[in-house]
Amino acid sequence: MKNFLYKEIKLCMAPINIIFLLFTMMIIIPNYPYYVPFFYLCLSVYMIFNLGELNKDIAYSMILPIKKSDIVKSRCILIAAYEITGIILTLPFVFFKHNILTMQNDAGIECNFAFYGFQMILLTLFHFVFFTTFYKKAEKPGISFLISSIVYWIGYFIFEFPFWVNSIFQNEFIKSLDSVSPENFNVQIPFLISGILIYIIGWIVTYKVSANKFNKVDI
C-alpha cells in the first residue's frame, strides 16, 4: 500500500493541490464565511481525480497485482490525509485571528470547536457523495463534483442559517456555539467529538460502498 500511495501522489497530485492547502490562511479574513476555505480542499479532490483520469490512472492500476478495492482504498487514504493536513494548517491562522486580530465574524459562525465539528461533517458528506457517485462508473469526475458540491453548499446553508438569524432570536445555545470564550467550550466540544467520529465512520462507509460499486464496474 505504501508504494501504491506513492503512485497516487506521482500520478494524481499536482502543484495546484499544494497551493490550495495555502488557501487555509483565508480563515483570517474578517467577516468571511469560514466554510469557503475548506471548499478548496473539495475542489482539490476533483482535481486529483481529474488528473488521475488524464493520466489513465485506473487503467494503469488495473494491470498491477492488486485488488480493485485497493485502488479505492489508496485514493481514500490520499484524500483523507490531504483533508486532515488542510484542517491542521488552519490552526495557526485561527490562533492568530483570535489572539491578534480579535474581530468578531458577522458572516457566520466563529472558528471554534463547534465549527470544526460541523466542517468535518460537511467534508464527510462531500467525499461520501463524490466517491460513491464516481466509482459507480469510474468516469467523469466532473459530474461527481457537481453533485457533491451541491450537497456541500446545502449543508453549509443548514449549518450557518441558525447563526445568520440569531441576531433576531437571541438564542443562548446558538450564542454559546458561536462563541470563542473558554466558558462555552463545554458546549462546543461535543460537536467537535461528534464531527470527528462521523468523519472516521464516514470514511469507512465511503470506502466500503465505493469499493463495492467499483468491483461491479467492467473496466
N, C-alpha and C. Protein backbone atom coordinates (compact mmCIF):
# COMPACT_ATOMS: atom_id res chain seq x y z
N MET A 1 0.83 -1.21 0.00
CA MET A 1 0.00 0.00 0.00
C MET A 1 0.87 1.26 0.00
N LYS A 2 2.04 1.19 0.66
CA LYS A 2 2.94 2.34 0.69
C LYS A 2 3.37 2.73 -0.72
N ASN A 3 3.77 1.74 -1.51
CA ASN A 3 4.19 2.02 -2.89
C ASN A 3 3.03 2.49 -3.74
N PHE A 4 1.85 1.96 -3.46
CA PHE A 4 0.66 2.36 -4.22
C PHE A 4 0.29 3.81 -3.91
N LEU A 5 0.44 4.21 -2.65
CA LEU A 5 0.19 5.60 -2.29
C LEU A 5 1.19 6.52 -2.97
N TYR A 6 2.43 6.05 -3.09
CA TYR A 6 3.44 6.84 -3.80
C TYR A 6 3.03 7.04 -5.25
N LYS A 7 2.47 5.98 -5.85
CA LYS A 7 1.96 6.09 -7.21
C LYS A 7 0.82 7.10 -7.30
N GLU A 8 -0.05 7.12 -6.29
CA GLU A 8 -1.15 8.07 -6.26
C GLU A 8 -0.63 9.50 -6.26
N ILE A 9 0.37 9.75 -5.46
CA ILE A 9 0.93 11.09 -5.37
C ILE A 9 1.59 11.51 -6.68
N LYS A 10 2.30 10.60 -7.31
CA LYS A 10 3.03 10.91 -8.54
C LYS A 10 2.10 11.12 -9.72
N LEU A 11 1.03 10.32 -9.80
CA LEU A 11 0.15 10.39 -10.96
C LEU A 11 -1.04 11.34 -10.79
N CYS A 12 -1.42 11.62 -9.55
CA CYS A 12 -2.69 12.32 -9.34
C CYS A 12 -2.56 13.66 -8.61
N MET A 13 -1.44 13.92 -7.98
CA MET A 13 -1.26 15.19 -7.28
C MET A 13 -0.53 16.17 -8.19
N ALA A 14 -0.96 17.43 -8.12
CA ALA A 14 -0.34 18.49 -8.92
C ALA A 14 0.04 19.65 -8.00
N PRO A 15 0.91 20.55 -8.45
CA PRO A 15 1.29 21.71 -7.61
C PRO A 15 0.10 22.53 -7.13
N ILE A 16 -0.97 22.59 -7.94
CA ILE A 16 -2.12 23.38 -7.54
C ILE A 16 -2.76 22.83 -6.27
N ASN A 17 -2.64 21.52 -6.04
CA ASN A 17 -3.18 20.94 -4.81
C ASN A 17 -2.43 21.44 -3.58
N ILE A 18 -1.13 21.65 -3.71
CA ILE A 18 -0.36 22.20 -2.61
C ILE A 18 -0.72 23.68 -2.40
N ILE A 19 -0.91 24.40 -3.50
CA ILE A 19 -1.28 25.81 -3.41
C ILE A 19 -2.63 25.96 -2.70
N PHE A 20 -3.56 25.06 -3.01
CA PHE A 20 -4.88 25.14 -2.39
C PHE A 20 -4.80 24.91 -0.88
N LEU A 21 -3.80 24.16 -0.42
CA LEU A 21 -3.63 24.00 1.02
C LEU A 21 -3.31 25.34 1.67
N LEU A 22 -2.61 26.20 0.94
CA LEU A 22 -2.25 27.51 1.48
C LEU A 22 -3.46 28.42 1.59
N PHE A 23 -4.54 28.10 0.90
CA PHE A 23 -5.75 28.91 0.98
C PHE A 23 -6.39 28.83 2.36
N THR A 24 -5.88 27.93 3.21
CA THR A 24 -6.40 27.86 4.57
C THR A 24 -6.17 29.17 5.32
N MET A 25 -5.21 29.97 4.87
CA MET A 25 -4.96 31.25 5.54
C MET A 25 -6.13 32.22 5.35
N MET A 26 -7.06 31.89 4.44
CA MET A 26 -8.25 32.73 4.28
C MET A 26 -9.10 32.76 5.54
N ILE A 27 -8.79 31.89 6.48
CA ILE A 27 -9.54 31.82 7.72
C ILE A 27 -9.38 33.10 8.54
N ILE A 28 -8.37 33.90 8.23
CA ILE A 28 -8.16 35.14 8.98
C ILE A 28 -8.86 36.34 8.34
N ILE A 29 -9.53 36.14 7.21
CA ILE A 29 -10.25 37.24 6.57
C ILE A 29 -11.41 37.67 7.45
N PRO A 30 -11.51 38.94 7.80
CA PRO A 30 -12.62 39.39 8.66
C PRO A 30 -13.97 39.25 7.98
N ASN A 31 -14.97 38.91 8.78
CA ASN A 31 -16.35 38.80 8.30
C ASN A 31 -16.45 37.97 7.02
N TYR A 32 -15.96 36.75 7.12
CA TYR A 32 -15.89 35.86 5.96
C TYR A 32 -16.47 34.50 6.35
N PRO A 33 -17.24 33.88 5.46
CA PRO A 33 -17.77 32.53 5.77
C PRO A 33 -16.64 31.50 5.78
N TYR A 34 -16.34 30.97 6.94
CA TYR A 34 -15.14 30.15 7.11
C TYR A 34 -15.24 28.77 6.46
N TYR A 35 -16.41 28.40 5.99
CA TYR A 35 -16.53 27.14 5.27
C TYR A 35 -15.92 27.23 3.87
N VAL A 36 -15.77 28.45 3.36
CA VAL A 36 -15.28 28.63 2.00
C VAL A 36 -13.84 28.14 1.81
N PRO A 37 -12.89 28.49 2.72
CA PRO A 37 -11.52 27.98 2.52
C PRO A 37 -11.45 26.47 2.45
N PHE A 38 -12.32 25.79 3.20
CA PHE A 38 -12.31 24.33 3.19
C PHE A 38 -12.87 23.77 1.89
N PHE A 39 -13.67 24.57 1.19
CA PHE A 39 -14.20 24.08 -0.08
C PHE A 39 -13.09 23.92 -1.11
N TYR A 40 -11.99 24.66 -0.93
CA TYR A 40 -10.86 24.47 -1.83
C TYR A 40 -10.25 23.08 -1.67
N LEU A 41 -10.39 22.50 -0.48
CA LEU A 41 -9.97 21.11 -0.30
C LEU A 41 -10.86 20.19 -1.14
N CYS A 42 -12.15 20.52 -1.19
CA CYS A 42 -13.08 19.75 -2.01
C CYS A 42 -12.76 19.90 -3.49
N LEU A 43 -12.43 21.13 -3.89
CA LEU A 43 -12.05 21.36 -5.28
C LEU A 43 -10.79 20.57 -5.63
N SER A 44 -9.89 20.45 -4.68
CA SER A 44 -8.68 19.67 -4.90
C SER A 44 -8.99 18.19 -5.12
N VAL A 45 -10.03 17.71 -4.43
CA VAL A 45 -10.44 16.32 -4.64
C VAL A 45 -10.79 16.09 -6.10
N TYR A 46 -11.57 17.01 -6.64
CA TYR A 46 -11.93 16.90 -8.06
C TYR A 46 -10.68 16.93 -8.94
N MET A 47 -9.76 17.83 -8.64
CA MET A 47 -8.57 17.97 -9.48
C MET A 47 -7.68 16.74 -9.39
N ILE A 48 -7.63 16.11 -8.22
CA ILE A 48 -6.87 14.87 -8.07
C ILE A 48 -7.48 13.77 -8.93
N PHE A 49 -8.79 13.63 -8.88
CA PHE A 49 -9.46 12.62 -9.69
C PHE A 49 -9.34 12.93 -11.17
N ASN A 50 -9.45 14.22 -11.51
CA ASN A 50 -9.38 14.60 -12.92
C ASN A 50 -7.99 14.34 -13.49
N LEU A 51 -6.95 14.68 -12.72
CA LEU A 51 -5.59 14.42 -13.18
C LEU A 51 -5.34 12.92 -13.30
N GLY A 52 -5.91 12.17 -12.37
CA GLY A 52 -5.79 10.71 -12.46
C GLY A 52 -6.42 10.18 -13.73
N GLU A 53 -7.57 10.75 -14.09
CA GLU A 53 -8.23 10.32 -15.33
C GLU A 53 -7.38 10.68 -16.55
N LEU A 54 -6.81 11.88 -16.56
CA LEU A 54 -5.97 12.30 -17.68
C LEU A 54 -4.73 11.43 -17.82
N ASN A 55 -4.21 10.97 -16.69
CA ASN A 55 -3.01 10.12 -16.70
C ASN A 55 -3.33 8.63 -16.78
N LYS A 56 -4.61 8.31 -17.05
CA LYS A 56 -5.04 6.91 -17.18
C LYS A 56 -4.67 6.11 -15.93
N ASP A 57 -4.93 6.71 -14.78
CA ASP A 57 -4.52 6.10 -13.52
C ASP A 57 -5.23 4.77 -13.28
N ILE A 58 -6.53 4.71 -13.52
CA ILE A 58 -7.26 3.48 -13.26
C ILE A 58 -6.81 2.37 -14.20
N ALA A 59 -6.63 2.70 -15.46
CA ALA A 59 -6.15 1.69 -16.43
C ALA A 59 -4.78 1.16 -16.02
N TYR A 60 -3.91 2.06 -15.58
CA TYR A 60 -2.59 1.64 -15.14
C TYR A 60 -2.68 0.78 -13.87
N SER A 61 -3.54 1.20 -12.93
CA SER A 61 -3.66 0.47 -11.67
C SER A 61 -4.21 -0.94 -11.88
N MET A 62 -5.06 -1.08 -12.90
CA MET A 62 -5.69 -2.39 -13.14
C MET A 62 -4.69 -3.44 -13.61
N ILE A 63 -3.56 -3.03 -14.14
CA ILE A 63 -2.57 -4.02 -14.61
C ILE A 63 -1.60 -4.40 -13.49
N LEU A 64 -1.73 -3.74 -12.34
CA LEU A 64 -0.87 -4.06 -11.20
C LEU A 64 -1.45 -5.25 -10.44
N PRO A 65 -0.60 -6.01 -9.73
CA PRO A 65 -1.08 -7.19 -8.99
C PRO A 65 -1.76 -6.80 -7.67
N ILE A 66 -2.88 -6.11 -7.80
CA ILE A 66 -3.63 -5.67 -6.62
C ILE A 66 -5.11 -5.92 -6.84
N LYS A 67 -5.88 -5.83 -5.77
CA LYS A 67 -7.33 -5.94 -5.86
C LYS A 67 -7.93 -4.60 -6.28
N LYS A 68 -9.09 -4.66 -6.92
CA LYS A 68 -9.76 -3.42 -7.32
C LYS A 68 -10.08 -2.55 -6.11
N SER A 69 -10.40 -3.19 -4.99
CA SER A 69 -10.72 -2.42 -3.79
C SER A 69 -9.52 -1.63 -3.28
N ASP A 70 -8.30 -2.13 -3.59
CA ASP A 70 -7.10 -1.39 -3.16
C ASP A 70 -6.97 -0.06 -3.89
N ILE A 71 -7.49 0.00 -5.11
CA ILE A 71 -7.46 1.26 -5.86
C ILE A 71 -8.30 2.31 -5.13
N VAL A 72 -9.47 1.88 -4.66
CA VAL A 72 -10.35 2.79 -3.92
C VAL A 72 -9.73 3.13 -2.56
N LYS A 73 -9.18 2.13 -1.89
CA LYS A 73 -8.60 2.35 -0.56
C LYS A 73 -7.47 3.37 -0.60
N SER A 74 -6.58 3.25 -1.57
CA SER A 74 -5.46 4.17 -1.65
C SER A 74 -5.93 5.60 -1.92
N ARG A 75 -6.97 5.75 -2.74
CA ARG A 75 -7.49 7.08 -3.02
C ARG A 75 -8.17 7.66 -1.77
N CYS A 76 -8.86 6.82 -1.02
CA CYS A 76 -9.47 7.27 0.23
C CYS A 76 -8.41 7.75 1.21
N ILE A 77 -7.33 7.00 1.34
CA ILE A 77 -6.25 7.38 2.26
C ILE A 77 -5.61 8.69 1.82
N LEU A 78 -5.38 8.82 0.51
CA LEU A 78 -4.78 10.04 -0.02
C LEU A 78 -5.64 11.26 0.29
N ILE A 79 -6.93 11.17 0.00
CA ILE A 79 -7.83 12.31 0.21
C ILE A 79 -7.99 12.60 1.69
N ALA A 80 -8.10 11.57 2.51
CA ALA A 80 -8.23 11.78 3.96
C ALA A 80 -7.00 12.49 4.50
N ALA A 81 -5.81 12.05 4.08
CA ALA A 81 -4.56 12.70 4.53
C ALA A 81 -4.51 14.15 4.06
N TYR A 82 -4.99 14.39 2.85
CA TYR A 82 -4.99 15.75 2.30
C TYR A 82 -5.93 16.65 3.10
N GLU A 83 -7.13 16.15 3.37
CA GLU A 83 -8.11 16.94 4.13
C GLU A 83 -7.62 17.24 5.54
N ILE A 84 -7.07 16.23 6.20
CA ILE A 84 -6.59 16.41 7.57
C ILE A 84 -5.44 17.41 7.60
N THR A 85 -4.56 17.34 6.60
CA THR A 85 -3.47 18.31 6.50
C THR A 85 -4.02 19.72 6.38
N GLY A 86 -5.04 19.89 5.54
CA GLY A 86 -5.66 21.20 5.38
C GLY A 86 -6.27 21.71 6.67
N ILE A 87 -6.92 20.83 7.41
CA ILE A 87 -7.53 21.22 8.68
C ILE A 87 -6.45 21.66 9.68
N ILE A 88 -5.38 20.88 9.78
CA ILE A 88 -4.30 21.20 10.72
C ILE A 88 -3.65 22.54 10.36
N LEU A 89 -3.51 22.80 9.07
CA LEU A 89 -2.86 24.05 8.64
C LEU A 89 -3.67 25.28 9.00
N THR A 90 -4.96 25.12 9.22
CA THR A 90 -5.78 26.28 9.60
C THR A 90 -5.52 26.72 11.04
N LEU A 91 -5.03 25.81 11.88
CA LEU A 91 -4.96 26.08 13.32
C LEU A 91 -4.08 27.28 13.67
N PRO A 92 -2.87 27.44 13.08
CA PRO A 92 -2.09 28.64 13.41
C PRO A 92 -2.80 29.94 13.04
N PHE A 93 -3.55 29.90 11.92
CA PHE A 93 -4.26 31.10 11.49
C PHE A 93 -5.44 31.40 12.41
N VAL A 94 -6.08 30.35 12.92
CA VAL A 94 -7.16 30.55 13.88
C VAL A 94 -6.61 31.16 15.16
N PHE A 95 -5.47 30.66 15.62
CA PHE A 95 -4.82 31.23 16.81
C PHE A 95 -4.49 32.70 16.59
N PHE A 96 -3.96 33.01 15.41
CA PHE A 96 -3.62 34.40 15.08
C PHE A 96 -4.88 35.27 15.06
N LYS A 97 -5.94 34.75 14.47
CA LYS A 97 -7.18 35.53 14.36
C LYS A 97 -7.76 35.86 15.74
N HIS A 98 -7.79 34.86 16.62
CA HIS A 98 -8.44 35.06 17.91
C HIS A 98 -7.57 35.82 18.92
N ASN A 99 -6.25 35.77 18.73
CA ASN A 99 -5.37 36.39 19.70
C ASN A 99 -4.73 37.70 19.23
N ILE A 100 -4.70 37.91 17.92
CA ILE A 100 -4.11 39.14 17.39
C ILE A 100 -5.17 40.06 16.80
N LEU A 101 -5.97 39.52 15.89
CA LEU A 101 -6.99 40.35 15.24
C LEU A 101 -8.18 40.62 16.16
N THR A 102 -8.60 39.58 16.88
CA THR A 102 -9.73 39.65 17.82
C THR A 102 -10.93 40.38 17.23
N MET A 103 -11.33 39.94 16.03
CA MET A 103 -12.50 40.52 15.37
C MET A 103 -13.63 39.50 15.31
N GLN A 104 -14.83 39.95 15.61
CA GLN A 104 -15.99 39.07 15.54
C GLN A 104 -16.36 38.81 14.09
N ASN A 105 -16.82 37.58 13.81
CA ASN A 105 -17.23 37.22 12.45
C ASN A 105 -18.73 37.43 12.30
N ASP A 106 -19.13 38.43 11.51
CA ASP A 106 -20.55 38.71 11.29
C ASP A 106 -21.12 37.94 10.10
N ALA A 107 -20.28 37.13 9.43
CA ALA A 107 -20.74 36.40 8.24
C ALA A 107 -21.18 34.98 8.56
N GLY A 108 -21.09 34.60 9.84
CA GLY A 108 -21.46 33.23 10.20
C GLY A 108 -20.80 32.83 11.50
N ILE A 109 -20.69 31.54 11.71
CA ILE A 109 -20.13 31.01 12.95
C ILE A 109 -18.66 31.38 13.10
N GLU A 110 -18.23 31.55 14.34
CA GLU A 110 -16.82 31.79 14.61
C GLU A 110 -16.02 30.49 14.41
N CYS A 111 -14.72 30.65 14.24
CA CYS A 111 -13.84 29.49 14.09
C CYS A 111 -13.57 28.92 15.48
N ASN A 112 -14.38 27.97 15.91
CA ASN A 112 -14.23 27.38 17.24
C ASN A 112 -14.42 25.87 17.15
N PHE A 113 -14.52 25.22 18.28
CA PHE A 113 -14.64 23.76 18.30
C PHE A 113 -15.88 23.29 17.54
N ALA A 114 -17.00 23.96 17.73
CA ALA A 114 -18.24 23.58 17.05
C ALA A 114 -18.09 23.70 15.54
N PHE A 115 -17.45 24.79 15.11
CA PHE A 115 -17.24 24.97 13.67
C PHE A 115 -16.47 23.81 13.06
N TYR A 116 -15.40 23.38 13.72
CA TYR A 116 -14.62 22.28 13.17
C TYR A 116 -15.42 20.98 13.15
N GLY A 117 -16.29 20.79 14.14
CA GLY A 117 -17.17 19.62 14.11
C GLY A 117 -18.12 19.65 12.93
N PHE A 118 -18.73 20.82 12.70
CA PHE A 118 -19.62 20.97 11.55
C PHE A 118 -18.86 20.79 10.24
N GLN A 119 -17.65 21.36 10.19
CA GLN A 119 -16.87 21.28 8.95
C GLN A 119 -16.50 19.84 8.62
N MET A 120 -16.18 19.04 9.61
CA MET A 120 -15.83 17.65 9.35
C MET A 120 -17.04 16.85 8.86
N ILE A 121 -18.21 17.23 9.33
CA ILE A 121 -19.43 16.60 8.82
C ILE A 121 -19.63 16.96 7.35
N LEU A 122 -19.41 18.23 7.01
CA LEU A 122 -19.57 18.67 5.62
C LEU A 122 -18.57 17.96 4.71
N LEU A 123 -17.32 17.84 5.15
CA LEU A 123 -16.33 17.13 4.34
C LEU A 123 -16.72 15.67 4.17
N THR A 124 -17.28 15.08 5.22
CA THR A 124 -17.73 13.68 5.14
C THR A 124 -18.84 13.54 4.10
N LEU A 125 -19.81 14.45 4.14
CA LEU A 125 -20.89 14.40 3.15
C LEU A 125 -20.33 14.56 1.74
N PHE A 126 -19.39 15.49 1.59
CA PHE A 126 -18.82 15.73 0.27
C PHE A 126 -18.12 14.50 -0.28
N HIS A 127 -17.16 13.97 0.48
CA HIS A 127 -16.40 12.87 -0.11
C HIS A 127 -17.20 11.58 -0.20
N PHE A 128 -18.23 11.40 0.66
CA PHE A 128 -19.08 10.23 0.51
C PHE A 128 -19.84 10.28 -0.82
N VAL A 129 -20.46 11.43 -1.09
CA VAL A 129 -21.22 11.57 -2.33
C VAL A 129 -20.29 11.50 -3.53
N PHE A 130 -19.13 12.17 -3.44
CA PHE A 130 -18.19 12.18 -4.56
C PHE A 130 -17.71 10.77 -4.88
N PHE A 131 -17.20 10.07 -3.90
CA PHE A 131 -16.63 8.74 -4.13
C PHE A 131 -17.68 7.75 -4.62
N THR A 132 -18.84 7.75 -3.97
CA THR A 132 -19.84 6.74 -4.32
C THR A 132 -20.45 6.98 -5.70
N THR A 133 -20.54 8.24 -6.11
CA THR A 133 -21.04 8.50 -7.46
C THR A 133 -19.96 8.26 -8.51
N PHE A 134 -18.71 8.61 -8.19
CA PHE A 134 -17.64 8.40 -9.16
C PHE A 134 -17.38 6.92 -9.41
N TYR A 135 -17.27 6.13 -8.36
CA TYR A 135 -16.91 4.73 -8.52
C TYR A 135 -18.07 3.86 -8.98
N LYS A 136 -19.22 4.48 -9.18
CA LYS A 136 -20.33 3.74 -9.78
C LYS A 136 -20.01 3.39 -11.23
N LYS A 137 -19.29 4.31 -11.93
CA LYS A 137 -18.87 4.06 -13.31
C LYS A 137 -17.38 4.28 -13.51
N ALA A 138 -16.73 4.93 -12.51
CA ALA A 138 -15.29 5.23 -12.57
C ALA A 138 -14.94 6.09 -13.78
N GLU A 139 -15.77 7.10 -14.03
CA GLU A 139 -15.51 8.03 -15.12
C GLU A 139 -16.21 9.35 -14.83
N LYS A 140 -15.80 10.41 -15.53
CA LYS A 140 -16.41 11.73 -15.44
C LYS A 140 -16.48 12.25 -14.00
N PRO A 141 -15.33 12.59 -13.40
CA PRO A 141 -15.35 13.13 -12.04
C PRO A 141 -16.07 14.48 -11.93
N GLY A 142 -16.24 15.16 -13.06
CA GLY A 142 -16.93 16.45 -13.04
C GLY A 142 -18.37 16.33 -12.56
N ILE A 143 -19.05 15.26 -12.97
CA ILE A 143 -20.43 15.05 -12.55
C ILE A 143 -20.48 14.78 -11.04
N SER A 144 -19.56 13.96 -10.57
CA SER A 144 -19.49 13.65 -9.14
C SER A 144 -19.21 14.91 -8.34
N PHE A 145 -18.34 15.75 -8.86
CA PHE A 145 -18.00 17.00 -8.16
C PHE A 145 -19.20 17.93 -8.11
N LEU A 146 -19.95 18.01 -9.18
CA LEU A 146 -21.12 18.88 -9.21
C LEU A 146 -22.14 18.44 -8.17
N ILE A 147 -22.44 17.15 -8.13
CA ILE A 147 -23.43 16.64 -7.18
C ILE A 147 -22.96 16.83 -5.74
N SER A 148 -21.71 16.47 -5.47
CA SER A 148 -21.20 16.57 -4.11
C SER A 148 -21.05 18.03 -3.68
N SER A 149 -20.77 18.93 -4.62
CA SER A 149 -20.68 20.36 -4.29
C SER A 149 -22.04 20.91 -3.88
N ILE A 150 -23.08 20.49 -4.58
CA ILE A 150 -24.44 20.90 -4.23
C ILE A 150 -24.77 20.45 -2.81
N VAL A 151 -24.41 19.21 -2.49
CA VAL A 151 -24.64 18.68 -1.14
C VAL A 151 -23.86 19.50 -0.11
N TYR A 152 -22.61 19.84 -0.43
CA TYR A 152 -21.78 20.62 0.49
C TYR A 152 -22.42 21.97 0.79
N TRP A 153 -22.89 22.67 -0.23
CA TRP A 153 -23.43 24.01 -0.02
C TRP A 153 -24.81 23.99 0.61
N ILE A 154 -25.56 22.93 0.38
CA ILE A 154 -26.83 22.78 1.11
C ILE A 154 -26.54 22.58 2.60
N GLY A 155 -25.53 21.73 2.89
CA GLY A 155 -25.13 21.54 4.27
C GLY A 155 -24.62 22.83 4.90
N TYR A 156 -23.87 23.59 4.11
CA TYR A 156 -23.37 24.89 4.58
C TYR A 156 -24.54 25.79 4.99
N PHE A 157 -25.57 25.86 4.17
CA PHE A 157 -26.73 26.70 4.47
C PHE A 157 -27.42 26.22 5.75
N ILE A 158 -27.57 24.90 5.89
CA ILE A 158 -28.25 24.35 7.07
C ILE A 158 -27.48 24.68 8.34
N PHE A 159 -26.15 24.56 8.29
CA PHE A 159 -25.34 24.82 9.48
C PHE A 159 -25.24 26.31 9.80
N GLU A 160 -25.20 27.14 8.79
CA GLU A 160 -25.00 28.57 9.02
C GLU A 160 -26.29 29.34 9.31
N PHE A 161 -27.41 28.86 8.79
CA PHE A 161 -28.67 29.61 8.91
C PHE A 161 -29.01 29.99 10.35
N PRO A 162 -28.87 29.08 11.32
CA PRO A 162 -29.20 29.48 12.71
C PRO A 162 -28.36 30.65 13.21
N PHE A 163 -27.12 30.74 12.75
CA PHE A 163 -26.24 31.83 13.19
C PHE A 163 -26.56 33.13 12.47
N TRP A 164 -27.05 33.02 11.24
CA TRP A 164 -27.45 34.22 10.50
C TRP A 164 -28.64 34.91 11.15
N VAL A 165 -29.59 34.12 11.62
CA VAL A 165 -30.85 34.69 12.13
C VAL A 165 -30.83 34.89 13.64
N ASN A 166 -29.75 34.49 14.30
CA ASN A 166 -29.76 34.57 15.77
C ASN A 166 -29.69 36.00 16.28
N SER A 167 -29.29 36.93 15.43
CA SER A 167 -29.34 38.34 15.86
C SER A 167 -30.77 38.78 16.12
N ILE A 168 -31.71 38.04 15.53
CA ILE A 168 -33.13 38.35 15.73
C ILE A 168 -33.67 37.60 16.95
N PHE A 169 -33.34 36.29 17.03
CA PHE A 169 -33.96 35.45 18.06
C PHE A 169 -33.16 35.42 19.38
N GLN A 170 -31.85 35.71 19.31
CA GLN A 170 -31.02 35.78 20.51
C GLN A 170 -31.11 34.49 21.35
N ASN A 171 -30.95 33.37 20.70
CA ASN A 171 -30.96 32.09 21.40
C ASN A 171 -29.62 31.87 22.11
N GLU A 172 -29.68 31.56 23.41
CA GLU A 172 -28.46 31.44 24.20
C GLU A 172 -27.60 30.24 23.78
N PHE A 173 -28.24 29.16 23.37
CA PHE A 173 -27.49 27.98 22.95
C PHE A 173 -26.71 28.27 21.67
N ILE A 174 -27.35 28.94 20.72
CA ILE A 174 -26.67 29.31 19.48
C ILE A 174 -25.54 30.29 19.78
N LYS A 175 -25.77 31.20 20.71
CA LYS A 175 -24.71 32.13 21.11
C LYS A 175 -23.51 31.38 21.68
N SER A 176 -23.78 30.33 22.45
CA SER A 176 -22.69 29.54 23.03
C SER A 176 -21.89 28.83 21.94
N LEU A 177 -22.59 28.36 20.90
CA LEU A 177 -21.91 27.69 19.79
C LEU A 177 -21.11 28.68 18.96
N ASP A 178 -21.50 29.94 18.99
CA ASP A 178 -20.85 30.97 18.18
C ASP A 178 -19.78 31.74 18.94
N SER A 179 -19.46 31.25 20.12
CA SER A 179 -18.53 31.98 20.98
C SER A 179 -17.11 31.43 20.88
N VAL A 180 -16.15 32.27 21.24
CA VAL A 180 -14.76 31.82 21.35
C VAL A 180 -14.29 31.93 22.80
N SER A 181 -15.22 32.12 23.72
CA SER A 181 -14.89 32.22 25.14
C SER A 181 -14.73 30.83 25.74
N PRO A 182 -13.71 30.62 26.57
CA PRO A 182 -13.47 29.29 27.16
C PRO A 182 -14.66 28.74 27.94
N GLU A 183 -15.48 29.60 28.52
CA GLU A 183 -16.60 29.10 29.32
C GLU A 183 -17.66 28.40 28.47
N ASN A 184 -17.59 28.58 27.15
CA ASN A 184 -18.56 27.91 26.26
C ASN A 184 -17.97 26.69 25.56
N PHE A 185 -16.73 26.36 25.87
CA PHE A 185 -16.09 25.22 25.20
C PHE A 185 -16.79 23.90 25.56
N ASN A 186 -17.35 23.81 26.77
CA ASN A 186 -18.02 22.57 27.15
C ASN A 186 -19.27 22.31 26.31
N VAL A 187 -19.84 23.37 25.75
CA VAL A 187 -20.99 23.21 24.84
C VAL A 187 -20.52 22.82 23.45
N GLN A 188 -19.37 23.33 23.04
CA GLN A 188 -18.89 23.13 21.67
C GLN A 188 -18.14 21.81 21.46
N ILE A 189 -17.41 21.36 22.47
CA ILE A 189 -16.57 20.18 22.31
C ILE A 189 -17.36 18.93 21.92
N PRO A 190 -18.58 18.68 22.47
CA PRO A 190 -19.35 17.52 22.00
C PRO A 190 -19.61 17.55 20.49
N PHE A 191 -19.77 18.74 19.91
CA PHE A 191 -19.97 18.85 18.46
C PHE A 191 -18.67 18.50 17.72
N LEU A 192 -17.54 18.90 18.29
CA LEU A 192 -16.26 18.53 17.69
C LEU A 192 -16.04 17.03 17.73
N ILE A 193 -16.30 16.43 18.87
CA ILE A 193 -16.13 14.98 19.01
C ILE A 193 -17.07 14.24 18.06
N SER A 194 -18.31 14.71 17.98
CA SER A 194 -19.27 14.09 17.06
C SER A 194 -18.80 14.20 15.62
N GLY A 195 -18.27 15.38 15.27
CA GLY A 195 -17.76 15.58 13.91
C GLY A 195 -16.60 14.65 13.59
N ILE A 196 -15.70 14.47 14.55
CA ILE A 196 -14.55 13.57 14.34
C ILE A 196 -15.02 12.13 14.16
N LEU A 197 -15.96 11.70 15.01
CA LEU A 197 -16.48 10.33 14.90
C LEU A 197 -17.19 10.12 13.57
N ILE A 198 -17.99 11.09 13.17
CA ILE A 198 -18.70 11.00 11.89
C ILE A 198 -17.70 10.96 10.74
N TYR A 199 -16.63 11.74 10.86
CA TYR A 199 -15.59 11.77 9.83
C TYR A 199 -14.92 10.40 9.69
N ILE A 200 -14.56 9.80 10.81
CA ILE A 200 -13.91 8.49 10.79
C ILE A 200 -14.84 7.42 10.24
N ILE A 201 -16.05 7.36 10.80
CA ILE A 201 -17.02 6.36 10.34
C ILE A 201 -17.39 6.62 8.88
N GLY A 202 -17.49 7.90 8.52
CA GLY A 202 -17.83 8.26 7.14
C GLY A 202 -16.82 7.73 6.14
N TRP A 203 -15.53 7.79 6.48
CA TRP A 203 -14.51 7.27 5.57
C TRP A 203 -14.61 5.75 5.42
N ILE A 204 -14.92 5.08 6.53
CA ILE A 204 -15.07 3.62 6.46
C ILE A 204 -16.23 3.25 5.55
N VAL A 205 -17.35 3.95 5.74
CA VAL A 205 -18.54 3.68 4.92
C VAL A 205 -18.28 4.08 3.47
N THR A 206 -17.62 5.22 3.27
CA THR A 206 -17.29 5.68 1.91
C THR A 206 -16.46 4.64 1.19
N TYR A 207 -15.44 4.12 1.86
CA TYR A 207 -14.59 3.11 1.24
C TYR A 207 -15.37 1.84 0.89
N LYS A 208 -16.14 1.34 1.83
CA LYS A 208 -16.85 0.07 1.60
C LYS A 208 -17.88 0.20 0.48
N VAL A 209 -18.66 1.28 0.50
CA VAL A 209 -19.69 1.46 -0.53
C VAL A 209 -19.04 1.68 -1.90
N SER A 210 -18.00 2.51 -1.93
CA SER A 210 -17.33 2.81 -3.20
C SER A 210 -16.62 1.58 -3.75
N ALA A 211 -15.97 0.80 -2.89
CA ALA A 211 -15.28 -0.41 -3.33
C ALA A 211 -16.26 -1.43 -3.88
N ASN A 212 -17.41 -1.57 -3.23
CA ASN A 212 -18.43 -2.50 -3.73
C ASN A 212 -18.94 -2.08 -5.10
N LYS A 213 -19.13 -0.78 -5.29
CA LYS A 213 -19.59 -0.29 -6.59
C LYS A 213 -18.51 -0.47 -7.65
N PHE A 214 -17.26 -0.19 -7.28
CA PHE A 214 -16.17 -0.29 -8.25
C PHE A 214 -15.91 -1.73 -8.66
N ASN A 215 -16.13 -2.67 -7.75
CA ASN A 215 -15.94 -4.09 -8.07
C ASN A 215 -16.91 -4.56 -9.16
N LYS A 216 -18.03 -3.85 -9.31
CA LYS A 216 -19.02 -4.22 -10.31
C LYS A 216 -18.79 -3.55 -11.66
N VAL A 217 -17.82 -2.61 -11.69
CA VAL A 217 -17.54 -1.88 -12.93
C VAL A 217 -16.67 -2.73 -13.84
N ASP A 218 -17.06 -2.82 -15.09
CA ASP A 218 -16.28 -3.56 -16.08
C ASP A 218 -15.32 -2.59 -16.74
N ILE A 219 -14.06 -2.67 -16.35
CA ILE A 219 -13.04 -1.76 -16.89
C ILE A 219 -12.50 -2.30 -18.23
